[in-house]
Protein backbone atom coordinates (compact mmCIF):
# COMPACT_ATOMS: atom_id res chain seq x y z
CA MET A 1 -79.81 -41.86 8.62
CA GLN A 2 -77.75 -43.86 6.38
CA SER A 3 -78.77 -45.95 4.17
CA LYS A 4 -77.73 -49.91 3.70
CA ALA A 5 -74.17 -50.49 3.55
CA ASP A 6 -72.99 -51.25 0.30
CA VAL A 7 -70.38 -54.46 0.09
CA ALA A 8 -67.52 -54.64 -2.06
CA ASP A 9 -64.52 -56.62 -2.29
CA VAL A 10 -62.47 -53.59 -2.64
CA VAL A 11 -63.18 -50.08 -1.96
CA ILE A 12 -60.91 -47.29 -3.69
CA VAL A 13 -61.51 -43.78 -2.21
CA GLY A 14 -60.80 -40.99 -4.64
CA ALA A 15 -60.90 -40.91 -8.71
CA SER A 16 -58.86 -39.08 -10.36
CA ALA A 17 -55.88 -40.81 -12.31
CA THR A 18 -54.22 -43.32 -9.43
CA GLY A 19 -57.55 -44.33 -7.93
CA SER A 20 -58.88 -45.00 -11.32
CA LEU A 21 -56.01 -47.36 -12.37
CA ALA A 22 -56.03 -49.31 -9.01
CA ALA A 23 -60.08 -49.79 -9.58
CA ARG A 24 -59.12 -50.63 -13.46
CA GLU A 25 -57.02 -53.46 -12.15
CA SER A 26 -59.06 -54.95 -9.16
CA ALA A 27 -62.26 -54.82 -11.35
CA LYS A 28 -60.40 -56.32 -14.45
CA ARG A 29 -59.24 -59.46 -12.41
CA GLY A 30 -63.01 -60.13 -11.06
CA ALA A 31 -63.05 -58.17 -7.65
CA LYS A 32 -66.24 -56.41 -6.96
CA THR A 33 -64.97 -53.11 -7.31
CA LEU A 34 -66.34 -49.80 -5.72
CA LEU A 35 -64.56 -46.18 -6.66
CA LEU A 36 -65.74 -43.09 -4.54
CA GLU A 37 -65.56 -39.44 -5.54
CA GLU A 38 -66.28 -36.71 -3.23
CA ASP A 39 -66.97 -34.35 -5.78
CA GLN A 40 -69.57 -34.19 -8.70
CA LEU A 41 -67.11 -35.49 -11.45
CA PRO A 42 -64.00 -37.60 -11.02
CA GLY A 43 -60.58 -35.87 -11.56
CA LYS A 44 -58.25 -32.79 -10.29
CA PHE A 45 -60.08 -30.27 -12.33
CA HIS A 46 -56.72 -29.22 -13.89
CA LYS A 47 -54.92 -28.75 -10.68
CA CYS A 48 -51.95 -30.20 -12.37
CA SER A 49 -48.77 -29.24 -14.54
CA GLY A 50 -49.82 -31.76 -16.90
CA LEU A 51 -46.40 -32.69 -17.75
CA TYR A 52 -45.43 -36.72 -18.00
CA SER A 53 -42.56 -38.34 -19.56
CA LYS A 54 -43.26 -40.33 -22.59
CA ARG A 55 -42.23 -43.77 -21.88
CA GLY A 56 -43.84 -43.23 -18.33
CA ILE A 57 -47.36 -42.31 -19.15
CA GLU A 58 -47.33 -45.57 -21.52
CA THR A 59 -46.66 -47.75 -18.81
CA LEU A 60 -50.02 -46.57 -17.69
CA ARG A 61 -51.88 -48.31 -21.05
CA VAL A 62 -53.94 -45.19 -21.94
CA ASP A 63 -54.38 -43.55 -25.07
CA TYR A 64 -53.82 -39.88 -24.38
CA SER A 65 -53.60 -38.88 -28.15
CA ASP A 66 -57.22 -37.16 -27.96
CA PHE A 67 -55.95 -34.97 -24.79
CA LEU A 68 -52.38 -34.38 -25.94
CA VAL A 69 -51.69 -30.68 -26.15
CA ASN A 70 -47.98 -30.37 -26.65
CA LYS A 71 -44.87 -32.36 -27.44
CA ILE A 72 -41.40 -31.59 -25.62
CA ARG A 73 -38.18 -32.38 -26.56
CA GLY A 74 -36.12 -31.07 -23.81
CA ALA A 75 -35.58 -28.23 -21.35
CA ASN A 76 -33.85 -24.65 -20.50
CA ILE A 77 -32.17 -24.99 -17.17
CA HIS A 78 -31.81 -21.37 -15.31
CA ALA A 79 -29.83 -21.04 -12.52
CA GLY A 80 -29.22 -17.39 -11.83
CA LYS A 81 -27.90 -15.43 -15.02
CA HIS A 82 -26.51 -19.07 -16.49
CA CYS A 83 -28.63 -21.04 -18.61
CA PHE A 84 -28.23 -24.30 -20.53
CA THR A 85 -30.31 -26.62 -22.65
CA VAL A 86 -30.65 -30.16 -22.72
CA GLU A 87 -32.72 -31.83 -25.76
CA LYS A 88 -33.19 -34.74 -27.82
CA LYS A 89 -34.35 -34.82 -31.35
CA GLU A 90 -37.39 -36.94 -30.66
CA THR A 91 -40.53 -36.34 -28.03
CA ILE A 92 -39.42 -37.20 -24.42
CA ALA A 93 -42.06 -35.28 -22.66
CA VAL A 94 -45.92 -34.96 -23.36
CA VAL A 95 -48.22 -32.15 -22.33
CA LEU A 96 -51.36 -33.28 -21.50
CA ASP A 97 -55.31 -32.03 -20.47
CA ARG A 98 -55.07 -33.32 -17.01
CA GLN A 99 -58.91 -33.46 -16.41
CA LYS A 100 -59.36 -35.54 -19.84
CA LEU A 101 -56.66 -37.59 -18.61
CA ASP A 102 -58.80 -38.39 -15.33
CA GLU A 103 -61.72 -38.89 -17.04
CA GLU A 104 -60.24 -41.32 -19.61
CA LEU A 105 -58.96 -43.53 -16.73
CA CYS A 106 -62.08 -43.14 -14.77
CA GLN A 107 -64.13 -44.52 -17.53
CA GLN A 108 -61.67 -47.35 -18.01
CA ALA A 109 -62.27 -48.55 -14.64
CA VAL A 110 -65.94 -48.37 -15.15
CA ASP A 111 -65.48 -50.41 -18.48
CA ALA A 112 -63.68 -52.84 -16.18
CA GLY A 113 -66.42 -53.45 -14.14
CA ALA A 114 -66.33 -50.96 -11.07
CA ALA A 115 -68.98 -49.34 -9.62
CA LEU A 116 -68.79 -45.88 -9.43
CA LYS A 117 -70.15 -43.22 -6.54
CA LEU A 118 -70.05 -39.48 -6.88
CA ASP A 119 -70.29 -36.64 -4.42
CA GLU A 120 -69.13 -39.33 -1.45
CA ARG A 121 -66.64 -37.86 0.98
CA ILE A 122 -65.39 -40.15 3.50
CA THR A 123 -66.00 -38.90 6.88
CA LYS A 124 -65.24 -41.76 9.23
CA LYS A 125 -64.47 -45.09 9.81
CA THR A 126 -67.06 -47.10 11.48
CA GLY A 127 -65.25 -50.47 11.44
CA ALA A 128 -62.59 -53.12 10.66
CA GLY A 129 -63.91 -53.27 7.14
CA ALA A 130 -66.16 -50.26 7.04
CA ILE A 131 -66.15 -46.73 6.27
CA ALA A 132 -69.05 -44.10 5.89
CA SER A 133 -70.02 -40.86 4.45
CA LYS A 134 -72.44 -38.34 5.71
CA ASN A 135 -75.35 -40.99 3.80
CA SER A 136 -73.42 -43.97 2.77
CA GLU A 137 -71.63 -46.81 4.45
CA PHE A 138 -69.06 -49.12 2.64
CA ASN A 139 -68.01 -52.31 3.79
CA TYR A 140 -64.96 -53.54 2.26
CA LYS A 141 -62.23 -56.60 2.42
CA TYR A 142 -59.53 -54.08 1.00
CA LEU A 143 -59.23 -50.59 1.11
CA ILE A 144 -57.36 -48.53 -1.27
CA GLY A 145 -56.75 -44.49 -0.33
CA ALA A 146 -56.02 -42.49 -3.44
CA ASP A 147 -57.49 -39.33 -1.89
CA GLY A 148 -54.17 -36.78 -2.09
CA VAL A 149 -51.53 -35.68 0.13
CA ALA A 150 -54.40 -34.84 3.08
CA SER A 151 -55.78 -38.22 2.68
CA THR A 152 -58.55 -38.71 4.87
CA VAL A 153 -58.07 -43.15 4.48
CA ALA A 154 -54.48 -42.19 5.93
CA TYR A 155 -55.91 -40.02 8.91
CA LEU A 156 -58.51 -42.36 9.32
CA CYS A 157 -56.65 -45.37 9.64
CA GLY A 158 -53.70 -44.09 11.78
CA PHE A 159 -50.97 -43.90 9.19
CA PRO A 160 -48.13 -42.14 9.78
CA SER A 161 -47.88 -38.25 8.30
CA ILE A 162 -45.73 -37.20 5.51
CA GLY A 163 -44.43 -33.99 7.54
CA LYS A 164 -44.65 -30.56 6.94
CA GLY A 165 -41.27 -30.03 5.98
CA ASN A 166 -41.73 -32.58 2.94
CA ILE A 167 -44.57 -31.15 1.36
CA ALA A 168 -44.21 -28.56 -1.36
CA MET A 169 -46.81 -25.62 -1.65
CA CYS A 170 -47.06 -24.88 -5.45
CA TYR A 171 -48.74 -22.15 -7.67
CA GLU A 172 -49.14 -22.28 -11.21
CA ALA A 173 -51.37 -20.27 -13.64
CA GLU A 174 -51.96 -21.05 -17.52
CA PHE A 175 -51.53 -17.84 -19.89
CA ASP A 176 -52.86 -17.29 -23.30
CA ASN A 177 -50.89 -15.31 -26.15
CA CYS A 178 -47.87 -15.87 -23.93
CA ASP A 179 -44.22 -15.43 -25.77
CA VAL A 180 -42.51 -18.33 -25.53
CA GLU A 181 -39.16 -18.78 -27.67
CA ASN A 182 -39.34 -22.63 -28.44
CA ASN A 183 -42.44 -24.79 -27.60
CA ALA A 184 -40.60 -28.15 -27.44
CA LEU A 185 -38.86 -26.58 -24.91
CA VAL A 186 -39.59 -26.64 -20.73
CA ASP A 187 -38.07 -23.78 -18.49
CA VAL A 188 -36.98 -24.73 -15.27
CA PHE A 189 -35.84 -22.57 -12.71
CA LEU A 190 -33.41 -23.32 -9.73
CA SER A 191 -32.85 -20.33 -7.26
CA SER A 192 -32.65 -20.40 -3.44
CA PHE A 193 -35.86 -18.40 -3.14
CA PHE A 194 -37.37 -22.01 -4.37
CA PRO A 195 -36.09 -24.38 -1.87
CA GLY A 196 -36.84 -27.89 -1.87
CA PHE A 197 -38.46 -27.39 -5.49
CA PHE A 198 -38.34 -24.72 -8.45
CA GLY A 199 -40.09 -22.48 -11.11
CA TRP A 200 -41.37 -23.76 -14.83
CA ILE A 201 -42.87 -22.37 -17.48
CA ILE A 202 -44.49 -25.39 -19.89
CA PRO A 203 -45.55 -24.18 -23.25
CA SER A 204 -49.30 -25.79 -23.42
CA GLY A 205 -49.97 -25.60 -27.29
CA GLY A 206 -50.26 -22.39 -29.11
CA ARG A 207 -49.39 -19.48 -27.52
CA LYS A 208 -50.67 -20.95 -24.29
CA ALA A 209 -48.49 -21.94 -21.38
CA ARG A 210 -48.24 -23.31 -17.80
CA ILE A 211 -46.27 -21.10 -15.46
CA GLY A 212 -45.61 -21.63 -11.63
CA PHE A 213 -43.26 -22.59 -8.74
CA GLY A 214 -43.02 -24.19 -5.82
CA THR A 215 -41.47 -23.94 -2.19
CA THR A 216 -40.85 -25.87 0.55
CA ARG A 217 -40.34 -23.01 3.17
CA HIS A 218 -44.01 -21.83 3.24
CA ALA A 219 -43.91 -19.01 5.01
CA ALA A 220 -41.79 -17.33 2.51
CA VAL A 221 -44.21 -17.97 -0.33
CA LYS A 222 -45.28 -14.49 -1.03
CA SER A 223 -42.04 -13.20 -1.35
CA ALA A 224 -41.07 -16.84 -3.48
CA PHE A 225 -44.11 -15.33 -5.63
CA VAL A 226 -43.11 -11.87 -6.02
CA HIS A 227 -39.69 -13.03 -7.25
CA PHE A 228 -40.72 -15.41 -9.84
CA PHE A 229 -43.07 -13.48 -11.30
CA SER A 230 -40.27 -10.57 -11.38
CA LEU A 231 -37.66 -12.85 -13.34
CA PRO A 232 -36.95 -11.45 -16.60
CA LYS A 233 -37.73 -14.80 -18.59
CA VAL A 234 -41.34 -15.16 -17.06
CA LYS A 235 -42.12 -11.58 -17.30
CA GLN A 236 -41.45 -11.86 -21.29
CA ALA A 237 -43.36 -15.27 -21.56
CA ARG A 238 -46.64 -14.41 -19.38
CA GLY A 239 -49.44 -13.80 -21.26
CA ASP A 240 -52.10 -11.13 -21.16
CA GLU A 241 -54.74 -13.51 -20.73
CA LYS A 242 -54.98 -15.69 -17.23
CA LEU A 243 -56.90 -18.92 -18.08
CA ARG A 244 -57.05 -20.47 -14.78
CA GLU A 245 -54.74 -20.65 -11.52
CA PHE A 246 -54.33 -22.84 -8.55
CA TRP A 247 -52.46 -23.91 -5.35
CA HIS A 248 -51.52 -27.27 -4.71
CA ALA A 249 -49.47 -29.25 -2.07
CA ILE A 250 -47.11 -31.86 -3.43
CA PRO A 251 -45.51 -34.35 -1.13
CA LEU A 252 -41.85 -34.94 -1.97
CA ARG A 253 -41.37 -38.36 0.20
CA THR A 254 -42.89 -41.07 0.76
CA ARG A 255 -44.94 -41.76 3.72
CA ARG A 256 -42.78 -44.26 6.49
CA GLN A 257 -45.90 -46.59 6.22
CA THR A 258 -48.14 -47.41 3.10
CA GLN A 259 -50.11 -50.40 4.27
CA LYS A 260 -51.88 -51.31 7.32
CA ASN A 261 -53.27 -55.00 7.13
CA ASN A 262 -56.05 -54.51 4.51
CA VAL A 263 -55.76 -50.88 3.88
CA MET A 264 -53.30 -49.25 1.28
CA LEU A 265 -52.03 -45.83 0.45
CA VAL A 266 -51.33 -44.92 -3.28
CA GLY A 267 -49.75 -41.96 -5.23
CA ASP A 268 -49.85 -38.56 -3.33
CA ALA A 269 -51.62 -40.29 -0.33
CA ALA A 270 -48.70 -42.55 -0.09
CA GLY A 271 -46.05 -39.79 -1.14
CA GLN A 272 -44.96 -42.04 -4.12
CA VAL A 273 -43.80 -38.56 -5.86
CA LYS A 274 -40.38 -37.90 -7.70
CA SER A 275 -38.79 -35.34 -4.72
CA THR A 276 -36.69 -34.08 -8.21
CA SER A 277 -39.82 -32.36 -9.85
CA GLY A 278 -43.13 -33.42 -7.81
CA GLY A 279 -44.37 -35.76 -10.54
CA GLY A 280 -46.49 -38.74 -8.95
CA VAL A 281 -48.69 -39.76 -12.01
CA VAL A 282 -46.35 -42.32 -13.42
CA PHE A 283 -44.91 -43.87 -9.78
CA GLY A 284 -47.76 -43.23 -8.33
CA GLY A 285 -50.17 -44.57 -11.18
CA GLN A 286 -48.11 -47.57 -11.14
CA CYS A 287 -48.10 -48.41 -7.77
CA ALA A 288 -51.86 -47.79 -7.89
CA MET A 289 -52.07 -50.37 -10.76
CA LEU A 290 -50.25 -52.90 -8.65
CA ALA A 291 -52.58 -52.08 -5.20
CA GLY A 292 -55.72 -52.97 -7.51
CA GLU A 293 -54.19 -56.02 -8.56
CA ILE A 294 -52.80 -57.08 -5.00
CA ALA A 295 -56.19 -56.45 -3.54
CA ALA A 296 -58.18 -58.51 -6.27
CA ARG A 297 -55.79 -61.48 -6.35
CA ASN A 298 -55.85 -61.39 -2.02
CA CYS A 299 -59.42 -61.39 -2.28
CA ALA A 300 -59.20 -64.68 -4.38
CA GLY A 301 -57.31 -66.34 -1.93
CA GLU A 302 -53.72 -65.21 -2.37
CA ASN A 303 -51.55 -63.29 0.27
CA LEU A 304 -49.54 -60.86 -1.15
CA ASN A 305 -47.90 -58.12 0.30
CA TYR A 306 -48.32 -54.77 -1.24
CA GLU A 307 -45.63 -52.73 1.13
CA LYS A 308 -42.82 -54.91 0.33
CA MET A 309 -43.89 -55.36 -3.35
CA TRP A 310 -44.24 -51.59 -4.42
CA ARG A 311 -41.00 -50.57 -2.33
CA ALA A 312 -38.82 -53.52 -4.39
CA LYS A 313 -40.12 -52.59 -7.28
CA PHE A 314 -39.80 -48.49 -6.80
CA GLY A 315 -38.50 -47.63 -3.81
CA SER A 316 -34.81 -47.51 -5.09
CA VAL A 317 -35.79 -45.15 -7.81
CA LEU A 318 -37.37 -42.82 -5.44
CA LYS A 319 -34.54 -42.83 -2.98
CA THR A 320 -32.44 -41.95 -5.93
CA HIS A 321 -34.66 -38.58 -6.28
CA ARG A 322 -34.40 -37.92 -2.91
CA ALA A 323 -30.86 -37.81 -2.76
CA VAL A 324 -30.55 -35.35 -5.46
CA ARG A 325 -32.93 -32.94 -4.26
CA LYS A 326 -31.08 -33.00 -0.91
CA VAL A 327 -27.68 -32.39 -2.75
CA PHE A 328 -29.79 -29.61 -4.48
CA ASP A 329 -31.07 -28.20 -1.00
CA ALA A 330 -28.12 -28.28 0.88
CA SER A 331 -25.51 -26.58 -1.60
CA PRO A 332 -25.31 -23.24 -0.85
CA SER A 333 -25.86 -21.63 -4.08
CA PRO A 334 -27.60 -22.36 -7.58
CA LEU A 335 -24.53 -22.94 -9.04
CA HIS A 336 -22.76 -25.04 -6.97
CA LYS A 337 -25.94 -27.27 -7.13
CA LEU A 338 -25.03 -27.50 -10.78
CA ALA A 339 -21.58 -28.45 -10.14
CA VAL A 340 -21.87 -30.80 -7.14
CA ILE A 341 -24.59 -33.40 -9.11
CA GLY A 342 -22.62 -32.95 -12.80
CA LEU A 343 -25.33 -30.75 -14.06
CA ASP A 344 -22.99 -28.85 -16.52
CA LYS A 345 -23.35 -28.65 -20.25
CA LEU A 346 -20.28 -30.62 -21.13
CA PHE A 347 -21.75 -33.84 -18.89
CA VAL A 348 -24.97 -34.44 -18.19
CA GLY A 349 -26.45 -32.06 -21.01
CA LYS A 350 -24.62 -34.61 -23.46
CA ILE A 351 -25.65 -37.55 -21.33
CA VAL A 352 -29.76 -36.49 -21.26
CA GLU A 353 -29.56 -35.60 -24.91
CA LYS A 354 -28.77 -39.55 -25.32
CA PHE A 355 -30.53 -41.11 -22.57
CA GLY A 356 -32.54 -38.44 -21.29
CA ASP A 357 -35.90 -39.68 -19.08
CA MET A 358 -37.97 -37.59 -16.89
CA ASP A 359 -39.16 -40.05 -14.62
CA TYR A 360 -36.52 -42.63 -14.34
CA ILE A 361 -33.13 -41.51 -12.89
CA ALA A 362 -32.24 -45.23 -12.04
CA ARG A 363 -33.63 -47.80 -13.92
CA THR A 364 -35.68 -50.81 -12.44
CA PRO A 365 -35.91 -54.09 -13.52
CA CYS A 366 -38.05 -55.46 -16.54
């Protein structure tokens, strides 16, 4: 038997970074906000590489100094036997403890006035303004789905699917006692073994490194795994102690629709992810902040459209990432891929050194 329904202005499903950001922005504008999490703790439990552009993460207004594990200045780009390096003198990216980031953002939401309910896995929609878990029902004026690529909110509310072909299956393990030549540089591997994605080595402080790959060719993921860990650079870097490992699905394009009346999707649930790198915290987080603000303002009597506003602000940037990704995937070889989009030492190498940014290929108006 379900308990008496909880009533809120705004209900957010999913208490990792994006859900917490939506809850923070909603609550601080005075809306009665409820943040639901299916697990007994908020966060992704380290199921993330934790690499973010410095400029991007700072837009989320979070002090990450207590969970900063490494600073990155650039990357080594590997394509077959060829490699070139793009590097700046200053830090362009940071490697963070993702679980601590999630917990900090969740605490910010609670401090702003949001109520957090743990161990509440949503299983059904019981009305135009109500959802339910096994033991509880939640009534809302606005519902925000921040519950990942396999979003229950999206499914229950009938949103169009992202499509299997637009989802990368990714593997990562963090190792200790690694042999990484330069802790300030990420290694990126372009290969036909990783269609739709790439491989990576991310130094994560001390002698640790996060090593993994992703591919949209799900049927060939085992052969991609064998190929990746047989690469000389990966074999050299790989440490002798595995600290953790995980598989994770990442959307590489947005859903065709991310708002239905009073229901909004944010982050991976909306597919607000860079197609070139799979990074979603910065764009997804900013869209989540916008969704939380819009929900609160609409509860106060305004009539703002989330779909139009987030696409006007970030849609062109994400389309640029998709266009670059499409060129990569259509080209016959890694070397051709580099040439087609100008990724050569003399051209983009110098541009990235001067203007490089890991989240913004195109810039949006301030």
